[in-house]
Amino acid sequence: MKTFLALMALFLGAFALSGCSTPETRIAKQPELFNRLTPEQQQMIREGRIGMGFDQDMVKLALGDPDRVRE
């Protein structure tokens, strides 16, 4: 029974982490946008940071899509 619970926990953990998006995976999906940026902006996005003057697409590259949107 302990083995079964451990395997289930491992499976659920792997499943939950497989959906996580990182700056590198987002950059790979939009290389043309990333290549237009300055080296400083590119470094900030790789680190998952944003800065003054970042537009919506740049913020999404760095941080990903929001969990929810409110108007």
Protein backbone atom coordinates (compact mmCIF):
# COMPACT_ATOMS: atom_id res chain seq x y z
CA MET A 1 0.00 0.00 0.00
CA LYS A 2 2.84 2.40 0.81
CA THR A 3 4.43 1.67 -2.55
CA PHE A 4 1.17 2.41 -4.33
CA LEU A 5 0.76 5.73 -2.51
CA ALA A 6 4.35 6.69 -3.22
CA LEU A 7 3.92 5.90 -6.92
CA MET A 8 0.69 7.90 -7.08
CA ALA A 9 2.35 10.88 -5.40
CA LEU A 10 5.27 10.66 -7.83
CA PHE A 11 2.95 10.42 -10.82
CA LEU A 12 0.81 13.37 -9.70
CA GLY A 13 3.88 15.47 -9.00
CA ALA A 14 5.34 14.74 -12.42
CA PHE A 15 2.00 15.50 -14.04
CA ALA A 16 1.71 18.84 -12.23
CA LEU A 17 5.23 19.90 -13.16
CA SER A 18 4.89 18.90 -16.81
CA GLY A 19 2.51 21.80 -17.42
CA CYS A 20 4.88 24.43 -16.05
CA SER A 21 6.13 26.93 -18.55
CA THR A 22 9.59 28.45 -18.20
CA PRO A 23 11.06 31.52 -19.90
CA GLU A 24 13.19 29.21 -22.06
CA THR A 25 10.18 27.24 -23.35
CA ARG A 26 8.29 30.47 -24.06
CA ILE A 27 11.33 31.92 -25.88
CA ALA A 28 11.58 28.75 -27.99
CA LYS A 29 7.95 29.22 -29.05
CA GLN A 30 8.48 32.89 -30.06
CA PRO A 31 12.10 33.28 -31.21
CA GLU A 32 11.32 36.14 -33.61
CA LEU A 33 9.97 38.30 -30.79
CA PHE A 34 12.89 37.44 -28.51
CA ASN A 35 15.49 38.19 -31.20
CA ARG A 36 14.10 41.73 -31.72
CA LEU A 37 14.92 42.66 -28.12
CA THR A 38 18.07 44.28 -26.79
CA PRO A 39 20.63 42.04 -25.05
CA GLU A 40 19.66 43.58 -21.68
CA GLN A 41 15.97 42.82 -22.26
CA GLN A 42 16.80 39.30 -23.40
CA GLN A 43 18.78 38.66 -20.21
CA MET A 44 15.97 39.95 -18.02
CA ILE A 45 13.46 37.70 -19.78
CA ARG A 46 15.75 34.67 -19.41
CA GLU A 47 15.84 35.41 -15.67
CA GLY A 48 12.03 35.75 -15.52
CA ARG A 49 12.17 39.47 -14.74
CA ILE A 50 10.42 42.43 -16.37
CA GLY A 51 11.39 46.07 -16.70
CA MET A 52 10.10 49.52 -17.51
CA GLY A 53 8.90 49.79 -21.08
CA PHE A 54 8.14 46.09 -21.52
CA ASP A 55 5.03 45.56 -23.64
CA GLN A 56 2.45 42.84 -23.04
CA ASP A 57 4.22 40.29 -25.25
CA MET A 58 7.55 40.84 -23.50
CA VAL A 59 5.93 40.40 -20.08
CA LYS A 60 4.31 37.16 -21.24
CA LEU A 61 7.70 35.91 -22.42
CA ALA A 62 9.21 36.59 -19.01
CA LEU A 63 6.35 35.61 -16.72
CA GLY A 64 3.96 33.52 -18.82
CA ASP A 65 0.23 33.86 -19.21
CA PRO A 66 -1.75 35.09 -16.21
CA ASP A 67 -3.80 32.66 -14.15
CA ARG A 68 -6.81 34.95 -14.53
CA VAL A 69 -7.71 38.32 -16.08
CA ARG A 70 -10.02 40.86 -14.50
CA GLU A 71 -11.48 43.93 -16.14
